[in-house]
Each structure stands twice: as structure tokens, then as C-alpha cells.
């Protein structure tokens, strides 16, 4: 692991995850904002030494589901792979865990 942790906020990987309202069922359009607030609170502590999270509704299909930024700039998939590898993480595993976590949070949110 890197000795320079914790990173400054700007050097952390910003992961923007866009939630589609359809994931929340037929009432998803009315629930997606509240779910994003719910999920944001849960994600704030996940890998917080190297990652900042923004969980928002996916209001436009032209925007990617997951976007990565560092120092205020969008980075490519390859750059995200390198960034996470520097901290001993694998992007495929990272995204798989992210999807599983979102699914669990949706289940928890809908069962409240």
C-alpha cells in the first residue's frame, strides 16, 4: 500500500455512479432521488482513503452509468485501471463489488 495516505480530496478517485430509476421498480421515478441520498450516505465511508463517491439519478441515457474523475478531470477506463492498480485494486472486481453493493442497498431501501 502507499505511504502517502490519506490522499487529499482532489487526488482521490471520484466515482460518479448514475442510478437508473427502473432499478427501483415501477415507482422508481418517484424513489430515485431518495435512494441516491440513502446510497450516498452508505458509500461515503467505502474506500474513503482513496475514493470519493457521487451517487446520482441517471437522467440521461447519454451519460455513462459509471464515470471516473481525478483532480477534477474525467479519466478513461484505462486510467481508472491504473489508478486502482496503484492501490492494489482491480477495476473489474471494483465494479463488480459496486454493482453488488448497489443491489443490496436497493433491497435495503425498498424494504424500509
C-alpha atoms as a PDB file:
ATOM      1  CA  UNK A   1       0.000   0.000   0.000  1.00  0.00           C
ATOM      2  CA  UNK A   2       1.050   3.593  -0.499  1.00  0.00           C
ATOM      3  CA  UNK A   3       2.556   5.506   2.418  1.00  0.00           C
ATOM      4  CA  UNK A   4       1.052   8.862   1.365  1.00  0.00           C
ATOM      5  CA  UNK A   5      -2.447   8.061   2.617  1.00  0.00           C
ATOM      6  CA  UNK A   6      -4.775   9.690   3.278  1.00  0.00           C
ATOM      7  CA  UNK A   7      -4.895  11.460  -0.050  1.00  0.00           C
ATOM      8  CA  UNK A   8      -6.165  14.992  -0.407  1.00  0.00           C
ATOM      9  CA  UNK A   9      -9.757  15.098  -1.632  1.00  0.00           C
ATOM     10  CA  UNK A  10      -8.745  16.267  -5.114  1.00  0.00           C
ATOM     11  CA  UNK A  11      -6.332  13.348  -5.589  1.00  0.00           C
ATOM     12  CA  UNK A  12      -8.899  10.735  -4.656  1.00  0.00           C
ATOM     13  CA  UNK A  13     -10.694   8.911  -7.419  1.00  0.00           C
ATOM     14  CA  UNK A  14     -14.153  10.425  -7.831  1.00  0.00           C
ATOM     15  CA  UNK A  15     -16.597   7.698  -8.790  1.00  0.00           C
ATOM     16  CA  UNK A  16     -19.845   9.027 -10.201  1.00  0.00           C
ATOM     17  CA  UNK A  17     -22.464   6.284 -10.216  1.00  0.00           C
ATOM     18  CA  UNK A  18     -25.716   7.017 -12.007  1.00  0.00           C
ATOM     19  CA  UNK A  19     -28.735   5.022 -10.824  1.00  0.00           C
ATOM     20  CA  UNK A  20     -31.493   4.256 -13.299  1.00  0.00           C
ATOM     21  CA  UNK A  21     -34.950   4.750 -11.831  1.00  0.00           C
ATOM     22  CA  UNK A  22     -36.095   1.440 -13.348  1.00  0.00           C
ATOM     23  CA  UNK A  23     -33.823  -0.394 -10.889  1.00  0.00           C
ATOM     24  CA  UNK A  24     -36.220   0.693  -8.160  1.00  0.00           C
ATOM     25  CA  UNK A  25     -39.316  -0.863  -9.708  1.00  0.00           C
ATOM     26  CA  UNK A  26     -42.421   0.699 -11.204  1.00  0.00           C
ATOM     27  CA  UNK A  27     -42.350   3.603  -8.720  1.00  0.00           C
ATOM     28  CA  UNK A  28     -38.649   4.201  -9.411  1.00  0.00           C
ATOM     29  CA  UNK A  29     -39.066   7.670 -10.894  1.00  0.00           C
ATOM     30  CA  UNK A  30     -40.529   8.867  -7.591  1.00  0.00           C
ATOM     31  CA  UNK A  31     -37.945   6.996  -5.483  1.00  0.00           C
ATOM     32  CA  UNK A  32     -34.639   7.506  -7.288  1.00  0.00           C
ATOM     33  CA  UNK A  33     -33.679  10.818  -5.625  1.00  0.00           C
ATOM     34  CA  UNK A  34     -34.362   9.466  -2.141  1.00  0.00           C
ATOM     35  CA  UNK A  35     -32.486   6.275  -2.968  1.00  0.00           C
ATOM     36  CA  UNK A  36     -29.462   8.229  -4.190  1.00  0.00           C
ATOM     37  CA  UNK A  37     -29.385  10.163  -0.895  1.00  0.00           C
ATOM     38  CA  UNK A  38     -29.685   6.870   1.010  1.00  0.00           C
ATOM     39  CA  UNK A  39     -26.908   5.219  -1.011  1.00  0.00           C
ATOM     40  CA  UNK A  40     -24.648   8.286  -0.837  1.00  0.00           C
ATOM     41  CA  UNK A  41     -24.612   8.075   2.951  1.00  0.00           C
ATOM     42  CA  UNK A  42     -23.718   4.387   2.765  1.00  0.00           C
ATOM     43  CA  UNK A  43     -20.934   4.922   0.220  1.00  0.00           C
ATOM     44  CA  UNK A  44     -19.307   7.881   1.969  1.00  0.00           C
ATOM     45  CA  UNK A  45     -17.212   5.534   4.120  1.00  0.00           C
ATOM     46  CA  UNK A  46     -16.401   2.915   1.454  1.00  0.00           C
ATOM     47  CA  UNK A  47     -12.703   3.092   0.493  1.00  0.00           C
ATOM     48  CA  UNK A  48     -12.773   6.703   1.671  1.00  0.00           C
ATOM     49  CA  UNK A  49      -8.985   6.842   1.869  1.00  0.00           C
ATOM     50  CA  UNK A  50      -8.719   6.762  -1.957  1.00  0.00           C
ATOM     51  CA  UNK A  51     -12.254   7.273  -3.315  1.00  0.00           C
ATOM     52  CA  UNK A  52     -14.955   9.939  -3.244  1.00  0.00           C
ATOM     53  CA  UNK A  53     -18.437   8.882  -4.283  1.00  0.00           C
ATOM     54  CA  UNK A  54     -21.254  10.708  -6.010  1.00  0.00           C
ATOM     55  CA  UNK A  55     -24.450   8.707  -6.356  1.00  0.00           C
ATOM     56  CA  UNK A  56     -26.972  10.451  -8.613  1.00  0.00           C
ATOM     57  CA  UNK A  57     -30.010   9.585 -10.746  1.00  0.00           C
ATOM     58  CA  UNK A  58     -29.246   8.704 -14.356  1.00  0.00           C
ATOM     59  CA  UNK A  59     -31.461  11.261 -16.005  1.00  0.00           C
ATOM     60  CA  UNK A  60     -29.804  10.963 -19.407  1.00  0.00           C
ATOM     61  CA  UNK A  61     -29.008   7.744 -21.245  1.00  0.00           C
ATOM     62  CA  UNK A  62     -26.190   9.634 -22.990  1.00  0.00           C
ATOM     63  CA  UNK A  63     -24.229   9.710 -19.735  1.00  0.00           C
ATOM     64  CA  UNK A  64     -22.333   6.611 -18.640  1.00  0.00           C
ATOM     65  CA  UNK A  65     -23.523   4.600 -15.666  1.00  0.00           C
ATOM     66  CA  UNK A  66     -20.088   4.918 -14.052  1.00  0.00           C
ATOM     67  CA  UNK A  67     -17.682   7.792 -14.570  1.00  0.00           C
ATOM     68  CA  UNK A  68     -14.238   8.292 -13.065  1.00  0.00           C
ATOM     69  CA  UNK A  69     -12.504  11.604 -12.331  1.00  0.00           C
ATOM     70  CA  UNK A  70      -9.243  12.631 -10.692  1.00  0.00           C
ATOM     71  CA  UNK A  71      -8.199  16.199  -9.912  1.00  0.00           C
ATOM     72  CA  UNK A  72     -11.425  17.458 -11.479  1.00  0.00           C
ATOM     73  CA  UNK A  73     -10.846  15.745 -14.825  1.00  0.00           C
ATOM     74  CA  UNK A  74     -12.652  12.800 -16.376  1.00  0.00           C
ATOM     75  CA  UNK A  75     -10.316   9.844 -16.839  1.00  0.00           C
ATOM     76  CA  UNK A  76     -10.517   6.918 -19.221  1.00  0.00           C
ATOM     77  CA  UNK A  77     -11.246   3.322 -18.311  1.00  0.00           C
ATOM     78  CA  UNK A  78      -7.538   2.500 -18.779  1.00  0.00           C
ATOM     79  CA  UNK A  79      -6.532   5.350 -16.458  1.00  0.00           C
ATOM     80  CA  UNK A  80      -9.024   4.121 -13.841  1.00  0.00           C
ATOM     81  CA  UNK A  81      -7.467   0.640 -14.102  1.00  0.00           C
ATOM     82  CA  UNK A  82      -4.024   2.138 -13.469  1.00  0.00           C
ATOM     83  CA  UNK A  83      -5.233   4.310 -10.615  1.00  0.00           C
ATOM     84  CA  UNK A  84      -6.834   1.406  -8.763  1.00  0.00           C
ATOM     85  CA  UNK A  85      -3.910  -0.909  -9.525  1.00  0.00           C
ATOM     86  CA  UNK A  86      -1.613   1.606  -7.827  1.00  0.00           C
ATOM     87  CA  UNK A  87      -3.626   0.965  -4.653  1.00  0.00           C
ATOM     88  CA  UNK A  88      -3.729  -2.791  -5.136  1.00  0.00           C
ATOM     89  CA  UNK A  89      -7.266  -2.962  -6.513  1.00  0.00           C
ATOM     90  CA  UNK A  90      -8.662  -4.407  -9.727  1.00  0.00           C
ATOM     91  CA  UNK A  91     -11.191  -2.346 -11.710  1.00  0.00           C
ATOM     92  CA  UNK A  92     -13.284  -5.374 -12.751  1.00  0.00           C
ATOM     93  CA  UNK A  93     -13.512  -6.534  -9.143  1.00  0.00           C
ATOM     94  CA  UNK A  94     -14.165  -2.980  -8.013  1.00  0.00           C
ATOM     95  CA  UNK A  95     -17.062  -2.547 -10.460  1.00  0.00           C
ATOM     96  CA  UNK A  96     -18.456  -5.983  -9.589  1.00  0.00           C
ATOM     97  CA  UNK A  97     -18.432  -5.109  -5.886  1.00  0.00           C
ATOM     98  CA  UNK A  98     -20.005  -1.750  -6.677  1.00  0.00           C
ATOM     99  CA  UNK A  99     -22.875  -3.407  -8.562  1.00  0.00           C
ATOM    100  CA  UNK A 100     -23.427  -5.912  -5.752  1.00  0.00           C
ATOM    101  CA  UNK A 101     -23.388  -3.146  -3.156  1.00  0.00           C
ATOM    102  CA  UNK A 102     -25.909  -1.078  -5.150  1.00  0.00           C
ATOM    103  CA  UNK A 103     -28.196  -4.127  -5.408  1.00  0.00           C
ATOM    104  CA  UNK A 104     -28.011  -4.692  -1.626  1.00  0.00           C
ATOM    105  CA  UNK A 105     -28.702  -1.009  -0.959  1.00  0.00           C
ATOM    106  CA  UNK A 106     -31.709  -1.078  -3.300  1.00  0.00           C
ATOM    107  CA  UNK A 107     -33.055  -4.109  -1.458  1.00  0.00           C
ATOM    108  CA  UNK A 108     -32.496  -2.419   1.925  1.00  0.00           C
ATOM    109  CA  UNK A 109     -34.030   0.842   0.707  1.00  0.00           C
ATOM    110  CA  UNK A 110     -37.147  -0.827  -0.700  1.00  0.00           C
ATOM    111  CA  UNK A 111     -37.683  -2.935   2.415  1.00  0.00           C
ATOM    112  CA  UNK A 112     -37.685   0.062   4.788  1.00  0.00           C
END
